[in-house]
Amino acid sequence: MIVLGIDPGLATVGYGILEVKDGRSRAVCYDCIRTSGREKETPERLEEIYNGVSDLIRHYQPAWLAMEKLFFSRNVTSAMNVSEVRGVILLAARQNGIPVAEYTPNQVKQAITGSGRADKKQMQEMIRRLLDLPAIPKPDDVADGLSIALCHIHVMR
């Protein structure tokens, strides 16, 4: 089974693609989709994210797309931007027939570290260890995408 984990954001969409084989999870690919607000307006950036996610789905054929749930933010503008990004990602999944699972940050932390209060460094180190990666993925959004995918795999078990 292949799972595409996504950490949505307008400037950076972190993603991780994991494959589960014989009960073991391995990272197939991880990176981010970056968009620039200096060069492009929001609709163009959303299109870029939609196309990038659609390309990932078509290329890797994941069985699931796992994404972080939007939680309350004090910055309304930021929350609206993330909502728009989530919308185009959900559309890409739907149009490609991929089911979507959503997890809160605490659910992801609990699944990866055993504690819903784990900090960023703990999460990143656990992802590096659990997936036997040579280094902690950068930027943070990429490690978050891998964490969300691994969370889904743990929940599916």
C-alpha atoms as a PDB file:
ATOM      1  CA  MET A   1       0.000   0.000   0.000  1.00  0.00           C
ATOM      2  CA  ILE A   2       1.194   3.497  -0.842  1.00  0.00           C
ATOM      3  CA  VAL A   3       0.167   6.543   1.210  1.00  0.00           C
ATOM      4  CA  LEU A   4       0.670  10.180   0.260  1.00  0.00           C
ATOM      5  CA  GLY A   5       0.925  12.383   3.357  1.00  0.00           C
ATOM      6  CA  ILE A   6       0.474  16.126   2.930  1.00  0.00           C
ATOM      7  CA  ASP A   7       1.104  19.106   5.190  1.00  0.00           C
ATOM      8  CA  PRO A   8      -0.853  21.897   3.451  1.00  0.00           C
ATOM      9  CA  GLY A   9       0.350  25.489   3.193  1.00  0.00           C
ATOM     10  CA  LEU A  10       0.182  28.205   0.564  1.00  0.00           C
ATOM     11  CA  ALA A  11       3.925  28.884   0.425  1.00  0.00           C
ATOM     12  CA  THR A  12       5.063  25.306   1.098  1.00  0.00           C
ATOM     13  CA  VAL A  13       3.166  22.043   0.769  1.00  0.00           C
ATOM     14  CA  GLY A  14       5.229  19.326   2.410  1.00  0.00           C
ATOM     15  CA  TYR A  15       4.637  15.781   1.251  1.00  0.00           C
ATOM     16  CA  GLY A  16       5.870  12.289   1.904  1.00  0.00           C
ATOM     17  CA  ILE A  17       5.093   9.119   0.004  1.00  0.00           C
ATOM     18  CA  LEU A  18       5.394   5.923   2.012  1.00  0.00           C
ATOM     19  CA  GLU A  19       5.058   2.328   0.929  1.00  0.00           C
ATOM     20  CA  VAL A  20       4.084  -0.454   3.291  1.00  0.00           C
ATOM     21  CA  LYS A  21       5.405  -3.857   2.327  1.00  0.00           C
ATOM     22  CA  ASP A  22       5.599  -6.914   4.576  1.00  0.00           C
ATOM     23  CA  GLY A  23       4.584  -4.791   7.562  1.00  0.00           C
ATOM     24  CA  ARG A  24       7.444  -2.301   7.089  1.00  0.00           C
ATOM     25  CA  SER A  25       7.117   1.320   6.028  1.00  0.00           C
ATOM     26  CA  ARG A  26       9.672   2.922   3.755  1.00  0.00           C
ATOM     27  CA  ALA A  27       9.947   6.390   2.272  1.00  0.00           C
ATOM     28  CA  VAL A  28       9.542   6.323  -1.493  1.00  0.00           C
ATOM     29  CA  CYS A  29       9.784  10.070  -2.035  1.00  0.00           C
ATOM     30  CA  TYR A  30       9.565  13.243   0.047  1.00  0.00           C
ATOM     31  CA  ASP A  31       9.854  16.903  -0.822  1.00  0.00           C
ATOM     32  CA  CYS A  32       7.706  20.018  -1.045  1.00  0.00           C
ATOM     33  CA  ILE A  33       5.786  22.083  -3.536  1.00  0.00           C
ATOM     34  CA  ARG A  34       6.789  25.734  -3.156  1.00  0.00           C
ATOM     35  CA  THR A  35       4.876  28.732  -4.439  1.00  0.00           C
ATOM     36  CA  SER A  36       5.972  32.345  -4.353  1.00  0.00           C
ATOM     37  CA  GLY A  37       3.668  35.168  -3.337  1.00  0.00           C
ATOM     38  CA  ARG A  38       6.063  37.713  -4.788  1.00  0.00           C
ATOM     39  CA  GLU A  39       5.741  36.375  -8.303  1.00  0.00           C
ATOM     40  CA  LYS A  40       2.192  34.985  -8.380  1.00  0.00           C
ATOM     41  CA  GLU A  41      -1.304  35.761  -7.171  1.00  0.00           C
ATOM     42  CA  THR A  42      -3.172  33.273  -4.968  1.00  0.00           C
ATOM     43  CA  PRO A  43      -5.260  31.647  -7.755  1.00  0.00           C
ATOM     44  CA  GLU A  44      -2.104  30.881  -9.737  1.00  0.00           C
ATOM     45  CA  ARG A  45      -0.419  29.458  -6.625  1.00  0.00           C
ATOM     46  CA  LEU A  46      -3.447  27.269  -5.897  1.00  0.00           C
ATOM     47  CA  GLU A  47      -3.360  25.974  -9.469  1.00  0.00           C
ATOM     48  CA  GLU A  48       0.329  25.149  -9.056  1.00  0.00           C
ATOM     49  CA  ILE A  49      -0.423  23.180  -5.869  1.00  0.00           C
ATOM     50  CA  TYR A  50      -3.357  21.391  -7.511  1.00  0.00           C
ATOM     51  CA  ASN A  51      -1.207  20.398 -10.492  1.00  0.00           C
ATOM     52  CA  GLY A  52       1.678  19.283  -8.267  1.00  0.00           C
ATOM     53  CA  VAL A  53      -0.538  17.083  -6.089  1.00  0.00           C
ATOM     54  CA  SER A  54      -2.333  15.681  -9.151  1.00  0.00           C
ATOM     55  CA  ASP A  55       1.036  14.786 -10.696  1.00  0.00           C
ATOM     56  CA  LEU A  56       2.105  13.013  -7.479  1.00  0.00           C
ATOM     57  CA  ILE A  57      -1.142  11.036  -7.411  1.00  0.00           C
ATOM     58  CA  ARG A  58      -0.859  10.021 -11.058  1.00  0.00           C
ATOM     59  CA  HIS A  59       2.813   9.059 -10.754  1.00  0.00           C
ATOM     60  CA  TYR A  60       2.750   7.138  -7.446  1.00  0.00           C
ATOM     61  CA  GLN A  61      -0.860   5.867  -7.473  1.00  0.00           C
ATOM     62  CA  PRO A  62      -1.372   6.061  -3.686  1.00  0.00           C
ATOM     63  CA  ALA A  63      -4.158   4.041  -2.079  1.00  0.00           C
ATOM     64  CA  TRP A  64      -4.741   6.913   0.377  1.00  0.00           C
ATOM     65  CA  LEU A  65      -4.041  10.607   0.765  1.00  0.00           C
ATOM     66  CA  ALA A  66      -3.587  11.639   4.404  1.00  0.00           C
ATOM     67  CA  MET A  67      -3.671  15.315   5.333  1.00  0.00           C
ATOM     68  CA  GLU A  68      -3.509  17.434   8.432  1.00  0.00           C
ATOM     69  CA  LYS A  69      -6.852  18.799   9.611  1.00  0.00           C
ATOM     70  CA  LEU A  70      -7.137  22.535   9.836  1.00  0.00           C
ATOM     71  CA  PHE A  71      -7.214  23.651  13.432  1.00  0.00           C
ATOM     72  CA  PHE A  72      -8.139  27.042  14.849  1.00  0.00           C
ATOM     73  CA  SER A  73      -5.614  29.732  14.085  1.00  0.00           C
ATOM     74  CA  ARG A  74      -5.303  33.200  15.537  1.00  0.00           C
ATOM     75  CA  ASN A  75      -4.208  34.452  12.138  1.00  0.00           C
ATOM     76  CA  VAL A  76      -7.442  34.421  10.112  1.00  0.00           C
ATOM     77  CA  THR A  77      -5.669  35.239   6.835  1.00  0.00           C
ATOM     78  CA  SER A  78      -3.307  32.298   7.267  1.00  0.00           C
ATOM     79  CA  ALA A  79      -6.197  29.971   8.166  1.00  0.00           C
ATOM     80  CA  MET A  80      -8.111  31.074   5.050  1.00  0.00           C
ATOM     81  CA  ASN A  81      -5.076  30.457   2.840  1.00  0.00           C
ATOM     82  CA  VAL A  82      -4.596  26.969   4.275  1.00  0.00           C
ATOM     83  CA  SER A  83      -8.321  26.277   3.787  1.00  0.00           C
ATOM     84  CA  GLU A  84      -8.020  27.183   0.123  1.00  0.00           C
ATOM     85  CA  VAL A  85      -4.974  24.934  -0.261  1.00  0.00           C
ATOM     86  CA  ARG A  86      -6.804  22.082   1.452  1.00  0.00           C
ATOM     87  CA  GLY A  87      -9.670  22.585  -1.000  1.00  0.00           C
ATOM     88  CA  VAL A  88      -7.518  22.145  -4.101  1.00  0.00           C
ATOM     89  CA  ILE A  89      -5.783  19.121  -2.543  1.00  0.00           C
ATOM     90  CA  LEU A  90      -9.155  17.530  -1.718  1.00  0.00           C
ATOM     91  CA  LEU A  91     -10.288  18.230  -5.276  1.00  0.00           C
ATOM     92  CA  ALA A  92      -7.154  16.618  -6.747  1.00  0.00           C
ATOM     93  CA  ALA A  93      -7.719  13.520  -4.602  1.00  0.00           C
ATOM     94  CA  ARG A  94     -11.416  13.330  -5.492  1.00  0.00           C
ATOM     95  CA  GLN A  95     -10.827  13.762  -9.209  1.00  0.00           C
ATOM     96  CA  ASN A  96      -8.260  10.955  -9.105  1.00  0.00           C
ATOM     97  CA  GLY A  97     -10.451   8.631  -7.028  1.00  0.00           C
ATOM     98  CA  ILE A  98      -8.176   8.660  -3.971  1.00  0.00           C
ATOM     99  CA  PRO A  99      -9.795   8.471  -0.513  1.00  0.00           C
ATOM    100  CA  VAL A 100      -8.691  11.085   2.021  1.00  0.00           C
ATOM    101  CA  ALA A 101      -8.001  10.639   5.739  1.00  0.00           C
ATOM    102  CA  GLU A 102      -7.531  13.675   7.966  1.00  0.00           C
ATOM    103  CA  TYR A 103      -5.708  13.880  11.294  1.00  0.00           C
ATOM    104  CA  THR A 104      -5.242  16.568  13.917  1.00  0.00           C
ATOM    105  CA  PRO A 105      -1.707  17.546  14.912  1.00  0.00           C
ATOM    106  CA  ASN A 106      -2.214  15.784  18.273  1.00  0.00           C
ATOM    107  CA  GLN A 107      -3.312  12.558  16.561  1.00  0.00           C
ATOM    108  CA  VAL A 108      -0.178  12.630  14.414  1.00  0.00           C
ATOM    109  CA  LYS A 109       2.084  13.277  17.419  1.00  0.00           C
ATOM    110  CA  GLN A 110       0.410  10.472  19.375  1.00  0.00           C
ATOM    111  CA  ALA A 111       0.824   7.996  16.497  1.00  0.00           C
ATOM    112  CA  ILE A 112       4.489   8.829  15.901  1.00  0.00           C
ATOM    113  CA  THR A 113       5.886   9.438  19.389  1.00  0.00           C
ATOM    114  CA  GLY A 114       3.238   8.042  21.722  1.00  0.00           C
ATOM    115  CA  SER A 115       2.638  11.527  23.143  1.00  0.00           C
ATOM    116  CA  GLY A 116       0.244  14.187  21.863  1.00  0.00           C
ATOM    117  CA  ARG A 117       2.554  16.791  23.409  1.00  0.00           C
ATOM    118  CA  ALA A 118       5.721  15.933  21.458  1.00  0.00           C
ATOM    119  CA  ASP A 119       7.657  18.908  20.138  1.00  0.00           C
ATOM    120  CA  LYS A 120       8.885  19.465  16.588  1.00  0.00           C
ATOM    121  CA  LYS A 121      12.384  18.100  17.243  1.00  0.00           C
ATOM    122  CA  GLN A 122      11.042  14.898  18.818  1.00  0.00           C
ATOM    123  CA  MET A 123       8.731  14.358  15.861  1.00  0.00           C
ATOM    124  CA  GLN A 124      11.469  14.919  13.317  1.00  0.00           C
ATOM    125  CA  GLU A 125      13.899  12.592  15.059  1.00  0.00           C
ATOM    126  CA  MET A 126      11.266   9.856  15.355  1.00  0.00           C
ATOM    127  CA  ILE A 127      10.454  10.138  11.646  1.00  0.00           C
ATOM    128  CA  ARG A 128      14.156   9.879  10.812  1.00  0.00           C
ATOM    129  CA  ARG A 129      14.503   6.771  12.985  1.00  0.00           C
ATOM    130  CA  LEU A 130      11.234   5.050  12.076  1.00  0.00           C
ATOM    131  CA  LEU A 131      11.849   5.456   8.349  1.00  0.00           C
ATOM    132  CA  ASP A 132      15.614   4.889   8.605  1.00  0.00           C
ATOM    133  CA  LEU A 133      16.401   8.167   6.850  1.00  0.00           C
ATOM    134  CA  PRO A 134      19.990   9.469   6.622  1.00  0.00           C
ATOM    135  CA  ALA A 135      18.959  12.884   8.021  1.00  0.00           C
ATOM    136  CA  ILE A 136      15.940  14.784   9.266  1.00  0.00           C
ATOM    137  CA  PRO A 137      13.966  15.911   6.196  1.00  0.00           C
ATOM    138  CA  LYS A 138      14.028  19.644   5.519  1.00  0.00           C
ATOM    139  CA  PRO A 139      12.124  21.896   5.572  1.00  0.00           C
ATOM    140  CA  ASP A 140       9.870  21.047   8.521  1.00  0.00           C
ATOM    141  CA  ASP A 141       6.852  20.754   6.208  1.00  0.00           C
ATOM    142  CA  VAL A 142       8.426  17.723   4.524  1.00  0.00           C
ATOM    143  CA  ALA A 143       8.934  15.925   7.850  1.00  0.00           C
ATOM    144  CA  ASP A 144       5.321  16.805   8.684  1.00  0.00           C
ATOM    145  CA  GLY A 145       4.098  15.258   5.416  1.00  0.00           C
ATOM    146  CA  LEU A 146       5.982  12.043   6.230  1.00  0.00           C
ATOM    147  CA  SER A 147       4.576  12.090   9.780  1.00  0.00           C
ATOM    148  CA  ILE A 148       1.005  12.380   8.504  1.00  0.00           C
ATOM    149  CA  ALA A 149       1.500   9.482   6.078  1.00  0.00           C
ATOM    150  CA  LEU A 150       3.011   7.312   8.827  1.00  0.00           C
ATOM    151  CA  CYS A 151       0.196   8.276  11.203  1.00  0.00           C
ATOM    152  CA  HIS A 152      -2.305   6.982   8.646  1.00  0.00           C
ATOM    153  CA  ILE A 153      -0.410   3.729   8.257  1.00  0.00           C
ATOM    154  CA  HIS A 154      -0.441   3.233  12.041  1.00  0.00           C
ATOM    155  CA  VAL A 155      -4.167   3.995  12.222  1.00  0.00           C
ATOM    156  CA  MET A 156      -4.924   1.560   9.370  1.00  0.00           C
ATOM    157  CA  ARG A 157      -3.202  -1.229  11.288  1.00  0.00           C
END
